[in-house]
C-alpha atoms as a PDB file:
ATOM      1  CA  UNK A   1     130.656  13.392  93.230  1.00  0.00           C
ATOM      2  CA  UNK A   2     130.013   9.935  91.680  1.00  0.00           C
ATOM      3  CA  UNK A   3     133.411   8.594  92.789  1.00  0.00           C
ATOM      4  CA  UNK A   4     132.268   8.757  96.486  1.00  0.00           C
ATOM      5  CA  UNK A   5     129.155   6.664  96.023  1.00  0.00           C
ATOM      6  CA  UNK A   6     131.179   3.514  96.829  1.00  0.00           C
ATOM      7  CA  UNK A   7     133.008   3.766 100.165  1.00  0.00           C
ATOM      8  CA  UNK A   8     134.357   0.987 102.434  1.00  0.00           C
ATOM      9  CA  UNK A   9     131.855  -0.575 104.813  1.00  0.00           C
ATOM     10  CA  UNK A  10     133.714   0.739 107.908  1.00  0.00           C
ATOM     11  CA  UNK A  11     136.617   2.990 108.910  1.00  0.00           C
ATOM     12  CA  UNK A  12     138.837   3.576 111.962  1.00  0.00           C
ATOM     13  CA  UNK A  13     139.332   6.608 114.041  1.00  0.00           C
ATOM     14  CA  UNK A  14     142.090   7.191 116.588  1.00  0.00           C
ATOM     15  CA  UNK A  15     141.113   8.830 119.979  1.00  0.00           C
ATOM     16  CA  UNK A  16     140.992  12.462 118.837  1.00  0.00           C
ATOM     17  CA  UNK A  17     140.255  13.680 122.404  1.00  0.00           C
ATOM     18  CA  UNK A  18     143.511  12.166 123.509  1.00  0.00           C
ATOM     19  CA  UNK A  19     145.370  14.073 120.808  1.00  0.00           C
ATOM     20  CA  UNK A  20     143.892  17.419 121.673  1.00  0.00           C
ATOM     21  CA  UNK A  21     144.104  16.493 125.413  1.00  0.00           C
ATOM     22  CA  UNK A  22     147.899  16.926 125.132  1.00  0.00           C
ATOM     23  CA  UNK A  23     147.269  20.635 125.523  1.00  0.00           C
ATOM     24  CA  UNK A  24     143.606  21.073 126.431  1.00  0.00           C
ATOM     25  CA  UNK A  25     142.162  20.271 129.866  1.00  0.00           C
ATOM     26  CA  UNK A  26     138.711  18.671 130.374  1.00  0.00           C
ATOM     27  CA  UNK A  27     136.401  20.137 133.118  1.00  0.00           C
ATOM     28  CA  UNK A  28     132.627  20.208 133.712  1.00  0.00           C
ATOM     29  CA  UNK A  29     130.320  23.017 134.812  1.00  0.00           C
ATOM     30  CA  UNK A  30     128.219  22.118 137.911  1.00  0.00           C
ATOM     31  CA  UNK A  31     125.259  24.272 136.739  1.00  0.00           C
ATOM     32  CA  UNK A  32     124.335  22.092 133.732  1.00  0.00           C
ATOM     33  CA  UNK A  33     120.849  20.945 134.743  1.00  0.00           C
ATOM     34  CA  UNK A  34     119.656  24.365 136.003  1.00  0.00           C
ATOM     35  CA  UNK A  35     120.883  26.231 132.843  1.00  0.00           C
ATOM     36  CA  UNK A  36     119.334  23.495 130.642  1.00  0.00           C
ATOM     37  CA  UNK A  37     115.881  23.917 132.167  1.00  0.00           C
ATOM     38  CA  UNK A  38     115.918  27.657 131.623  1.00  0.00           C
ATOM     39  CA  UNK A  39     117.311  27.544 128.059  1.00  0.00           C
ATOM     40  CA  UNK A  40     114.906  24.748 127.035  1.00  0.00           C
ATOM     41  CA  UNK A  41     111.974  26.830 128.332  1.00  0.00           C
ATOM     42  CA  UNK A  42     113.122  29.709 126.099  1.00  0.00           C
ATOM     43  CA  UNK A  43     113.772  27.455 123.012  1.00  0.00           C
ATOM     44  CA  UNK A  44     110.245  25.847 123.373  1.00  0.00           C
ATOM     45  CA  UNK A  45     108.756  29.238 122.744  1.00  0.00           C
ATOM     46  CA  UNK A  46     110.576  29.623 119.411  1.00  0.00           C
ATOM     47  CA  UNK A  47     108.772  28.208 116.373  1.00  0.00           C
ATOM     48  CA  UNK A  48     111.764  26.618 114.727  1.00  0.00           C
ATOM     49  CA  UNK A  49     110.635  22.936 114.636  1.00  0.00           C
ATOM     50  CA  UNK A  50     107.511  20.924 115.106  1.00  0.00           C
ATOM     51  CA  UNK A  51     107.307  18.992 118.380  1.00  0.00           C
ATOM     52  CA  UNK A  52     108.814  15.782 117.020  1.00  0.00           C
ATOM     53  CA  UNK A  53     111.787  17.382 115.374  1.00  0.00           C
ATOM     54  CA  UNK A  54     112.380  19.733 118.319  1.00  0.00           C
ATOM     55  CA  UNK A  55     112.488  16.717 120.689  1.00  0.00           C
ATOM     56  CA  UNK A  56     115.034  15.041 118.437  1.00  0.00           C
ATOM     57  CA  UNK A  57     117.114  18.205 118.148  1.00  0.00           C
ATOM     58  CA  UNK A  58     117.278  18.756 121.870  1.00  0.00           C
ATOM     59  CA  UNK A  59     117.699  15.149 123.066  1.00  0.00           C
ATOM     60  CA  UNK A  60     120.048  13.939 120.319  1.00  0.00           C
ATOM     61  CA  UNK A  61     122.128  17.092 120.524  1.00  0.00           C
ATOM     62  CA  UNK A  62     122.969  16.896 124.220  1.00  0.00           C
ATOM     63  CA  UNK A  63     123.689  20.567 124.050  1.00  0.00           C
ATOM     64  CA  UNK A  64     123.431  20.928 127.832  1.00  0.00           C
ATOM     65  CA  UNK A  65     126.356  18.514 128.159  1.00  0.00           C
ATOM     66  CA  UNK A  66     128.207  20.391 125.396  1.00  0.00           C
ATOM     67  CA  UNK A  67     127.821  23.708 127.258  1.00  0.00           C
ATOM     68  CA  UNK A  68     128.817  22.195 130.624  1.00  0.00           C
ATOM     69  CA  UNK A  69     132.004  20.714 129.071  1.00  0.00           C
ATOM     70  CA  UNK A  70     132.849  23.822 127.067  1.00  0.00           C
ATOM     71  CA  UNK A  71     132.224  26.589 129.661  1.00  0.00           C
ATOM     72  CA  UNK A  72     133.206  24.951 132.993  1.00  0.00           C
ATOM     73  CA  UNK A  73     133.733  28.206 134.875  1.00  0.00           C
ATOM     74  CA  UNK A  74     130.718  30.175 133.784  1.00  0.00           C
ATOM     75  CA  UNK A  75     128.109  30.935 136.391  1.00  0.00           C
ATOM     76  CA  UNK A  76     124.545  29.718 135.871  1.00  0.00           C
ATOM     77  CA  UNK A  77     123.249  32.852 134.208  1.00  0.00           C
ATOM     78  CA  UNK A  78     126.155  33.045 131.757  1.00  0.00           C
ATOM     79  CA  UNK A  79     125.996  29.223 131.102  1.00  0.00           C
ATOM     80  CA  UNK A  80     122.279  29.604 130.217  1.00  0.00           C
ATOM     81  CA  UNK A  81     123.175  32.291 127.638  1.00  0.00           C
ATOM     82  CA  UNK A  82     125.979  29.957 126.241  1.00  0.00           C
ATOM     83  CA  UNK A  83     123.371  27.142 125.948  1.00  0.00           C
ATOM     84  CA  UNK A  84     120.979  29.547 124.133  1.00  0.00           C
ATOM     85  CA  UNK A  85     123.876  30.341 121.809  1.00  0.00           C
ATOM     86  CA  UNK A  86     124.242  26.605 120.986  1.00  0.00           C
ATOM     87  CA  UNK A  87     120.506  26.237 120.342  1.00  0.00           C
ATOM     88  CA  UNK A  88     120.577  29.273 117.915  1.00  0.00           C
ATOM     89  CA  UNK A  89     123.888  28.370 116.232  1.00  0.00           C
ATOM     90  CA  UNK A  90     123.080  24.607 115.629  1.00  0.00           C
ATOM     91  CA  UNK A  91     119.502  25.158 114.496  1.00  0.00           C
ATOM     92  CA  UNK A  92     120.638  27.911 112.125  1.00  0.00           C
ATOM     93  CA  UNK A  93     123.612  25.779 110.917  1.00  0.00           C
ATOM     94  CA  UNK A  94     121.339  22.850 110.304  1.00  0.00           C
ATOM     95  CA  UNK A  95     119.057  24.984 108.212  1.00  0.00           C
ATOM     96  CA  UNK A  96     121.853  25.361 105.562  1.00  0.00           C
ATOM     97  CA  UNK A  97     123.648  22.056 106.287  1.00  0.00           C
ATOM     98  CA  UNK A  98     120.772  19.581 106.030  1.00  0.00           C
ATOM     99  CA  UNK A  99     117.477  21.490 105.932  1.00  0.00           C
ATOM    100  CA  UNK A 100     115.404  23.082 103.164  1.00  0.00           C
ATOM    101  CA  UNK A 101     118.113  25.570 102.378  1.00  0.00           C
ATOM    102  CA  UNK A 102     120.985  23.117 102.061  1.00  0.00           C
ATOM    103  CA  UNK A 103     121.745  24.039  98.389  1.00  0.00           C
ATOM    104  CA  UNK A 104     119.928  27.385  98.149  1.00  0.00           C
ATOM    105  CA  UNK A 105     122.554  30.083  98.789  1.00  0.00           C
ATOM    106  CA  UNK A 106     120.199  32.981  97.857  1.00  0.00           C
ATOM    107  CA  UNK A 107     117.613  31.893 100.493  1.00  0.00           C
ATOM    108  CA  UNK A 108     120.426  31.397 103.075  1.00  0.00           C
ATOM    109  CA  UNK A 109     121.548  34.930 102.298  1.00  0.00           C
ATOM    110  CA  UNK A 110     117.982  36.310 102.632  1.00  0.00           C
ATOM    111  CA  UNK A 111     117.650  34.749 106.089  1.00  0.00           C
ATOM    112  CA  UNK A 112     120.958  36.138 107.220  1.00  0.00           C
ATOM    113  CA  UNK A 113     119.951  39.614 105.947  1.00  0.00           C
ATOM    114  CA  UNK A 114     117.010  39.556 108.283  1.00  0.00           C
ATOM    115  CA  UNK A 115     119.321  38.567 111.179  1.00  0.00           C
ATOM    116  CA  UNK A 116     121.719  41.502 110.393  1.00  0.00           C
ATOM    117  CA  UNK A 117     118.873  43.911 111.177  1.00  0.00           C
ATOM    118  CA  UNK A 118     119.006  42.627 114.787  1.00  0.00           C
ATOM    119  CA  UNK A 119     122.206  44.455 115.519  1.00  0.00           C
ATOM    120  CA  UNK A 120     122.110  47.185 112.888  1.00  0.00           C
ATOM    121  CA  UNK A 121     118.834  48.295 114.433  1.00  0.00           C
ATOM    122  CA  UNK A 122     119.114  47.158 118.081  1.00  0.00           C
ATOM    123  CA  UNK A 123     116.170  49.293 119.193  1.00  0.00           C
ATOM    124  CA  UNK A 124     113.850  47.849 116.598  1.00  0.00           C
ATOM    125  CA  UNK A 125     111.090  45.204 117.244  1.00  0.00           C
ATOM    126  CA  UNK A 126     111.916  41.560 117.802  1.00  0.00           C
ATOM    127  CA  UNK A 127     111.836  39.918 114.298  1.00  0.00           C
ATOM    128  CA  UNK A 128     109.203  37.315 113.439  1.00  0.00           C
ATOM    129  CA  UNK A 129     111.757  35.178 111.623  1.00  0.00           C
ATOM    130  CA  UNK A 130     112.541  32.614 114.322  1.00  0.00           C
ATOM    131  CA  UNK A 131     116.301  32.401 113.711  1.00  0.00           C
ATOM    132  CA  UNK A 132     116.596  36.168 113.902  1.00  0.00           C
ATOM    133  CA  UNK A 133     114.372  36.251 116.918  1.00  0.00           C
ATOM    134  CA  UNK A 134     116.720  33.875 118.732  1.00  0.00           C
ATOM    135  CA  UNK A 135     119.643  36.080 117.828  1.00  0.00           C
ATOM    136  CA  UNK A 136     117.716  39.151 119.061  1.00  0.00           C
ATOM    137  CA  UNK A 137     117.186  37.480 122.423  1.00  0.00           C
ATOM    138  CA  UNK A 138     120.778  36.244 122.642  1.00  0.00           C
ATOM    139  CA  UNK A 139     122.257  39.688 121.893  1.00  0.00           C
ATOM    140  CA  UNK A 140     119.919  41.314 124.440  1.00  0.00           C
ATOM    141  CA  UNK A 141     121.416  39.081 127.108  1.00  0.00           C
ATOM    142  CA  UNK A 142     124.910  39.477 125.705  1.00  0.00           C
ATOM    143  CA  UNK A 143     124.819  43.249 125.864  1.00  0.00           C
ATOM    144  CA  UNK A 144     123.615  43.061 129.444  1.00  0.00           C
ATOM    145  CA  UNK A 145     126.972  41.919 130.971  1.00  0.00           C
ATOM    146  CA  UNK A 146     129.521  41.617 128.174  1.00  0.00           C
ATOM    147  CA  UNK A 147     132.694  43.656 128.275  1.00  0.00           C
ATOM    148  CA  UNK A 148     133.361  46.537 125.862  1.00  0.00           C
ATOM    149  CA  UNK A 149     135.626  44.391 123.710  1.00  0.00           C
ATOM    150  CA  UNK A 150     133.431  41.364 123.414  1.00  0.00           C
ATOM    151  CA  UNK A 151     130.403  43.249 122.153  1.00  0.00           C
ATOM    152  CA  UNK A 152     130.716  46.992 121.874  1.00  0.00           C
ATOM    153  CA  UNK A 153     133.919  46.755 119.905  1.00  0.00           C
ATOM    154  CA  UNK A 154     131.984  44.287 117.769  1.00  0.00           C
ATOM    155  CA  UNK A 155     134.054  41.142 118.136  1.00  0.00           C
ATOM    156  CA  UNK A 156     130.811  39.184 118.320  1.00  0.00           C
ATOM    157  CA  UNK A 157     129.222  41.126 115.499  1.00  0.00           C
ATOM    158  CA  UNK A 158     132.225  40.756 113.216  1.00  0.00           C
ATOM    159  CA  UNK A 159     132.360  37.061 113.961  1.00  0.00           C
ATOM    160  CA  UNK A 160     128.627  36.726 113.181  1.00  0.00           C
ATOM    161  CA  UNK A 161     129.107  38.456 109.806  1.00  0.00           C
ATOM    162  CA  UNK A 162     132.038  36.160 108.973  1.00  0.00           C
ATOM    163  CA  UNK A 163     130.059  33.119 109.987  1.00  0.00           C
ATOM    164  CA  UNK A 164     127.023  34.177 107.941  1.00  0.00           C
ATOM    165  CA  UNK A 165     129.093  34.792 104.808  1.00  0.00           C
ATOM    166  CA  UNK A 166     130.732  31.362 105.169  1.00  0.00           C
ATOM    167  CA  UNK A 167     127.260  29.701 105.432  1.00  0.00           C
ATOM    168  CA  UNK A 168     126.289  31.265 102.139  1.00  0.00           C
ATOM    169  CA  UNK A 169     129.564  30.241 100.422  1.00  0.00           C
ATOM    170  CA  UNK A 170     129.198  26.623 101.678  1.00  0.00           C
ATOM    171  CA  UNK A 171     125.631  26.514 100.393  1.00  0.00           C
ATOM    172  CA  UNK A 172     126.789  27.799  97.044  1.00  0.00           C
ATOM    173  CA  UNK A 173     129.502  25.014  96.870  1.00  0.00           C
ATOM    174  CA  UNK A 174     126.849  22.459  97.499  1.00  0.00           C
ATOM    175  CA  UNK A 175     124.524  23.929  94.878  1.00  0.00           C
ATOM    176  CA  UNK A 176     127.356  23.819  92.333  1.00  0.00           C
ATOM    177  CA  UNK A 177     128.682  20.431  93.499  1.00  0.00           C
ATOM    178  CA  UNK A 178     132.065  22.137  93.934  1.00  0.00           C
ATOM    179  CA  UNK A 179     134.935  20.593  95.893  1.00  0.00           C
ATOM    180  CA  UNK A 180     137.257  23.233  97.325  1.00  0.00           C
ATOM    181  CA  UNK A 181     141.008  22.694  97.726  1.00  0.00           C
ATOM    182  CA  UNK A 182     142.236  21.607 101.146  1.00  0.00           C
ATOM    183  CA  UNK A 183     143.762  24.982 101.933  1.00  0.00           C
ATOM    184  CA  UNK A 184     140.597  26.837 100.809  1.00  0.00           C
ATOM    185  CA  UNK A 185     138.381  24.522 102.829  1.00  0.00           C
ATOM    186  CA  UNK A 186     140.435  24.883 106.006  1.00  0.00           C
ATOM    187  CA  UNK A 187     140.014  28.663 105.813  1.00  0.00           C
ATOM    188  CA  UNK A 188     136.336  28.410 105.095  1.00  0.00           C
ATOM    189  CA  UNK A 189     135.800  25.874 107.904  1.00  0.00           C
ATOM    190  CA  UNK A 190     137.317  28.251 110.447  1.00  0.00           C
ATOM    191  CA  UNK A 191     134.434  30.523 109.679  1.00  0.00           C
ATOM    192  CA  UNK A 192     131.608  27.875 109.230  1.00  0.00           C
ATOM    193  CA  UNK A 193     132.366  26.273 112.635  1.00  0.00           C
ATOM    194  CA  UNK A 194     132.100  29.736 114.122  1.00  0.00           C
ATOM    195  CA  UNK A 195     135.581  29.919 115.635  1.00  0.00           C
ATOM    196  CA  UNK A 196     135.438  33.686 116.205  1.00  0.00           C
ATOM    197  CA  UNK A 197     131.934  33.416 117.640  1.00  0.00           C
ATOM    198  CA  UNK A 198     133.236  30.813 120.063  1.00  0.00           C
ATOM    199  CA  UNK A 199     136.069  33.119 121.163  1.00  0.00           C
ATOM    200  CA  UNK A 200     133.548  35.913 121.813  1.00  0.00           C
ATOM    201  CA  UNK A 201     131.357  33.576 123.857  1.00  0.00           C
ATOM    202  CA  UNK A 202     134.369  32.427 125.859  1.00  0.00           C
ATOM    203  CA  UNK A 203     135.183  36.031 126.550  1.00  0.00           C
ATOM    204  CA  UNK A 204     131.530  36.685 127.516  1.00  0.00           C
ATOM    205  CA  UNK A 205     131.231  33.610 129.712  1.00  0.00           C
ATOM    206  CA  UNK A 206     133.795  34.929 132.223  1.00  0.00           C
ATOM    207  CA  UNK A 207     133.229  38.684 131.617  1.00  0.00           C
ATOM    208  CA  UNK A 208     136.769  38.996 130.504  1.00  0.00           C
ATOM    209  CA  UNK A 209     138.123  42.364 129.531  1.00  0.00           C
ATOM    210  CA  UNK A 210     140.921  42.115 126.952  1.00  0.00           C
ATOM    211  CA  UNK A 211     142.021  45.086 124.839  1.00  0.00           C
ATOM    212  CA  UNK A 212     142.047  44.950 121.067  1.00  0.00           C
ATOM    213  CA  UNK A 213     145.862  44.994 120.943  1.00  0.00           C
ATOM    214  CA  UNK A 214     145.878  41.401 122.342  1.00  0.00           C
ATOM    215  CA  UNK A 215     143.643  40.053 119.500  1.00  0.00           C
ATOM    216  CA  UNK A 216     145.700  41.918 116.881  1.00  0.00           C
ATOM    217  CA  UNK A 217     148.962  40.328 117.925  1.00  0.00           C
ATOM    218  CA  UNK A 218     150.243  37.773 115.347  1.00  0.00           C
ATOM    219  CA  UNK A 219     150.997  35.133 117.985  1.00  0.00           C
ATOM    220  CA  UNK A 220     147.477  35.388 119.437  1.00  0.00           C
ATOM    221  CA  UNK A 221     146.079  35.221 115.894  1.00  0.00           C
ATOM    222  CA  UNK A 222     148.088  32.081 115.196  1.00  0.00           C
ATOM    223  CA  UNK A 223     146.946  30.501 118.431  1.00  0.00           C
ATOM    224  CA  UNK A 224     143.349  31.361 117.517  1.00  0.00           C
ATOM    225  CA  UNK A 225     143.702  29.659 114.180  1.00  0.00           C
ATOM    226  CA  UNK A 226     145.257  26.649 115.880  1.00  0.00           C
ATOM    227  CA  UNK A 227     142.545  26.218 118.474  1.00  0.00           C
ATOM    228  CA  UNK A 228     139.829  26.620 115.854  1.00  0.00           C
ATOM    229  CA  UNK A 229     141.509  23.876 113.738  1.00  0.00           C
ATOM    230  CA  UNK A 230     141.768  21.664 116.905  1.00  0.00           C
ATOM    231  CA  UNK A 231     137.929  21.936 117.127  1.00  0.00           C
ATOM    232  CA  UNK A 232     137.189  21.840 113.417  1.00  0.00           C
ATOM    233  CA  UNK A 233     139.274  18.958 112.151  1.00  0.00           C
ATOM    234  CA  UNK A 234     137.906  16.464 114.776  1.00  0.00           C
ATOM    235  CA  UNK A 235     134.443  17.630 113.793  1.00  0.00           C
ATOM    236  CA  UNK A 236     135.053  16.746 110.161  1.00  0.00           C
ATOM    237  CA  UNK A 237     136.404  13.383 111.205  1.00  0.00           C
ATOM    238  CA  UNK A 238     133.514  12.693 113.553  1.00  0.00           C
ATOM    239  CA  UNK A 239     130.729  14.102 111.340  1.00  0.00           C
ATOM    240  CA  UNK A 240     131.999  12.520 108.180  1.00  0.00           C
ATOM    241  CA  UNK A 241     129.773   9.456 108.531  1.00  0.00           C
ATOM    242  CA  UNK A 242     126.602  11.532 109.017  1.00  0.00           C
ATOM    243  CA  UNK A 243     127.481  13.811 106.222  1.00  0.00           C
ATOM    244  CA  UNK A 244     128.220  11.108 103.640  1.00  0.00           C
ATOM    245  CA  UNK A 245     124.950   9.462 104.613  1.00  0.00           C
ATOM    246  CA  UNK A 246     123.223  12.804 103.848  1.00  0.00           C
ATOM    247  CA  UNK A 247     125.106  13.092 100.522  1.00  0.00           C
ATOM    248  CA  UNK A 248     127.025  16.126 101.809  1.00  0.00           C
ATOM    249  CA  UNK A 249     130.596  16.269 100.563  1.00  0.00           C
ATOM    250  CA  UNK A 250     131.579  19.574 102.155  1.00  0.00           C
ATOM    251  CA  UNK A 251     133.940  17.894 104.555  1.00  0.00           C
ATOM    252  CA  UNK A 252     137.751  18.120 104.934  1.00  0.00           C
ATOM    253  CA  UNK A 253     137.991  14.269 104.617  1.00  0.00           C
ATOM    254  CA  UNK A 254     136.435  14.434 101.162  1.00  0.00           C
ATOM    255  CA  UNK A 255     138.641  17.354 100.213  1.00  0.00           C
ATOM    256  CA  UNK A 256     141.735  15.374 101.093  1.00  0.00           C
ATOM    257  CA  UNK A 257     140.468  12.339  99.178  1.00  0.00           C
ATOM    258  CA  UNK A 258     139.798  14.484  96.196  1.00  0.00           C
ATOM    259  CA  UNK A 259     143.000  16.515  96.253  1.00  0.00           C
ATOM    260  CA  UNK A 260     145.402  13.724  97.002  1.00  0.00           C
ATOM    261  CA  UNK A 261     143.513  10.994  95.159  1.00  0.00           C
ATOM    262  CA  UNK A 262     143.460   8.678  98.205  1.00  0.00           C
ATOM    263  CA  UNK A 263     140.930   6.324  99.728  1.00  0.00           C
ATOM    264  CA  UNK A 264     138.818   7.048 102.821  1.00  0.00           C
ATOM    265  CA  UNK A 265     141.014   5.475 105.486  1.00  0.00           C
ATOM    266  CA  UNK A 266     144.174   7.062 104.137  1.00  0.00           C
ATOM    267  CA  UNK A 267     142.464  10.471 104.097  1.00  0.00           C
ATOM    268  CA  UNK A 268     141.385   9.962 107.703  1.00  0.00           C
ATOM    269  CA  UNK A 269     144.970   9.012 108.653  1.00  0.00           C
ATOM    270  CA  UNK A 270     146.341  12.079 106.893  1.00  0.00           C
ATOM    271  CA  UNK A 271     143.919  14.390 108.692  1.00  0.00           C
ATOM    272  CA  UNK A 272     144.688  12.708 112.079  1.00  0.00           C
ATOM    273  CA  UNK A 273     148.441  13.366 111.444  1.00  0.00           C
ATOM    274  CA  UNK A 274     147.618  16.966 110.621  1.00  0.00           C
ATOM    275  CA  UNK A 275     145.711  17.238 113.940  1.00  0.00           C
ATOM    276  CA  UNK A 276     148.769  16.003 115.857  1.00  0.00           C
ATOM    277  CA  UNK A 277     150.892  18.572 114.111  1.00  0.00           C
ATOM    278  CA  UNK A 278     148.421  21.244 114.925  1.00  0.00           C
ATOM    279  CA  UNK A 279     148.779  20.453 118.595  1.00  0.00           C
ATOM    280  CA  UNK A 280     152.534  20.873 118.293  1.00  0.00           C
ATOM    281  CA  UNK A 281     151.961  24.203 116.523  1.00  0.00           C
ATOM    282  CA  UNK A 282     149.793  25.433 119.364  1.00  0.00           C
ATOM    283  CA  UNK A 283     152.368  24.488 121.931  1.00  0.00           C
ATOM    284  CA  UNK A 284     155.088  26.326 119.982  1.00  0.00           C
ATOM    285  CA  UNK A 285     152.955  29.477 119.671  1.00  0.00           C
ATOM    286  CA  UNK A 286     152.112  29.368 123.375  1.00  0.00           C
ATOM    287  CA  UNK A 287     155.774  29.259 124.258  1.00  0.00           C
ATOM    288  CA  UNK A 288     156.250  32.453 122.219  1.00  0.00           C
ATOM    289  CA  UNK A 289     153.527  34.460 123.925  1.00  0.00           C
ATOM    290  CA  UNK A 290     154.580  38.168 124.394  1.00  0.00           C
ATOM    291  CA  UNK A 291     153.743  40.078 127.587  1.00  0.00           C
ATOM    292  CA  UNK A 292     151.045  42.826 127.547  1.00  0.00           C
ATOM    293  CA  UNK A 293     151.624  43.880 131.173  1.00  0.00           C
ATOM    294  CA  UNK A 294     150.802  42.067 134.409  1.00  0.00           C
ATOM    295  CA  UNK A 295     147.051  42.854 134.451  1.00  0.00           C
ATOM    296  CA  UNK A 296     146.414  41.955 130.797  1.00  0.00           C
ATOM    297  CA  UNK A 297     148.612  38.879 131.054  1.00  0.00           C
ATOM    298  CA  UNK A 298     146.461  37.636 133.896  1.00  0.00           C
ATOM    299  CA  UNK A 299     143.229  38.105 131.918  1.00  0.00           C
ATOM    300  CA  UNK A 300     144.851  36.580 128.836  1.00  0.00           C
ATOM    301  CA  UNK A 301     145.878  33.505 130.845  1.00  0.00           C
ATOM    302  CA  UNK A 302     142.257  33.045 131.939  1.00  0.00           C
ATOM    303  CA  UNK A 303     141.018  33.451 128.404  1.00  0.00           C
ATOM    304  CA  UNK A 304     143.444  30.950 126.884  1.00  0.00           C
ATOM    305  CA  UNK A 305     142.720  28.349 129.585  1.00  0.00           C
ATOM    306  CA  UNK A 306     138.992  28.846 128.955  1.00  0.00           C
ATOM    307  CA  UNK A 307     139.475  28.429 125.158  1.00  0.00           C
ATOM    308  CA  UNK A 308     141.420  25.288 125.761  1.00  0.00           C
ATOM    309  CA  UNK A 309     138.617  24.047 128.035  1.00  0.00           C
ATOM    310  CA  UNK A 310     136.167  24.801 125.275  1.00  0.00           C
ATOM    311  CA  UNK A 311     138.225  22.969 122.713  1.00  0.00           C
ATOM    312  CA  UNK A 312     138.516  19.814 124.724  1.00  0.00           C
ATOM    313  CA  UNK A 313     134.892  19.797 125.790  1.00  0.00           C
ATOM    314  CA  UNK A 314     133.930  20.189 122.152  1.00  0.00           C
ATOM    315  CA  UNK A 315     136.026  17.271 120.938  1.00  0.00           C
ATOM    316  CA  UNK A 316     134.644  14.983 123.680  1.00  0.00           C
ATOM    317  CA  UNK A 317     131.055  16.098 122.939  1.00  0.00           C
ATOM    318  CA  UNK A 318     131.517  14.979 119.325  1.00  0.00           C
ATOM    319  CA  UNK A 319     131.833  11.417 120.657  1.00  0.00           C
ATOM    320  CA  UNK A 320     129.081  11.635 123.309  1.00  0.00           C
ATOM    321  CA  UNK A 321     126.344  13.148 121.087  1.00  0.00           C
ATOM    322  CA  UNK A 322     124.242  10.671 119.020  1.00  0.00           C
ATOM    323  CA  UNK A 323     124.334  13.416 116.435  1.00  0.00           C
ATOM    324  CA  UNK A 324     127.536  11.788 115.004  1.00  0.00           C
ATOM    325  CA  UNK A 325     127.848   8.289 116.476  1.00  0.00           C
ATOM    326  CA  UNK A 326     124.358   7.013 116.652  1.00  0.00           C
ATOM    327  CA  UNK A 327     124.390   3.360 117.614  1.00  0.00           C
ATOM    328  CA  UNK A 328     128.175   3.184 117.848  1.00  0.00           C
ATOM    329  CA  UNK A 329     129.859   2.201 121.099  1.00  0.00           C
ATOM    330  CA  UNK A 330     132.372   4.945 121.819  1.00  0.00           C
ATOM    331  CA  UNK A 331     133.421   3.603 125.260  1.00  0.00           C
ATOM    332  CA  UNK A 332     136.855   2.750 123.974  1.00  0.00           C
ATOM    333  CA  UNK A 333     137.864   5.501 121.628  1.00  0.00           C
ATOM    334  CA  UNK A 334     141.260   4.070 120.699  1.00  0.00           C
ATOM    335  CA  UNK A 335     141.175   2.744 117.127  1.00  0.00           C
ATOM    336  CA  UNK A 336     137.427   3.079 117.105  1.00  0.00           C
ATOM    337  CA  UNK A 337     135.697   0.961 114.439  1.00  0.00           C
ATOM    338  CA  UNK A 338     132.953   3.011 112.786  1.00  0.00           C
ATOM    339  CA  UNK A 339     130.467   1.170 110.488  1.00  0.00           C
ATOM    340  CA  UNK A 340     129.549   3.318 107.506  1.00  0.00           C
ATOM    341  CA  UNK A 341     125.947   4.606 107.720  1.00  0.00           C
ATOM    342  CA  UNK A 342     123.654   3.834 104.879  1.00  0.00           C
ATOM    343  CA  UNK A 343     122.667   6.660 102.585  1.00  0.00           C
ATOM    344  CA  UNK A 344     119.589   8.437 104.020  1.00  0.00           C
ATOM    345  CA  UNK A 345     120.138   6.936 107.540  1.00  0.00           C
ATOM    346  CA  UNK A 346     119.522  10.367 109.065  1.00  0.00           C
END
């Protein structure tokens, strides 16, 4: 990826939260501090990082804020589980994104195979492998209160398998220095960001009970893809700076630059326009929602509102976490000037 070694010294971002805010409401859960204390106590017992790296992961991540913004209506017990989900998902994602396994797809696959045993043999012992041990604890809590659809019909399990496969594929692309097409990358990113996992957690957070027929409906599927894109594309815009500093080119901005032969700012502008269009798509799909009967429609309305809350909380968290904007003043997000991080800054 030699052509990307020379990038402009800064770039500009529009207020992405204002774009997604056209359809997604922002709210905050009041149980943030209590859930964070409990989830941190659990994570501190997991041997994932040494003390210095663990402190950086927890304090830079601001995952407690992320959970509070993303699951505003969850009670404290459910919010704690959602925060544990973030600790597991982000530490596992970092392992293949920026850790020792960044470009080692076979080792990423081996780790995921251990994790698979957690749900294929749910009565087995808690694994020693820390990432699988976290999943074991998470699924134990999930099974305790989740509805039949969210877990026992395997929506969470299927989502995990899809996410795991995408992590391996992305690691293989890195190892081969391969740049996917824009369309291919969009499909892969819906999996690597864990869109289906998020939907299962939203369902769990409110103990919703939706039948499979809802999720099999083409309009619901289209809305699902749209909300996942509304989470994913801002992530690629906001994480671009960190990833280019890490020498990681698996980002939609780079894919657009490569496919359309454009510079950095033009690629950012193109993706921002795509995001605006995706909001319009979502509004169109929502206007075409079919009815599944009064009871199911009421549950579906709660689910969609919660998913919109999650989307908006996620986009705002991208700005508020030093994970992506370290040292950048994001107080005014309109036409934000972002200095390019030096290679190796993270």
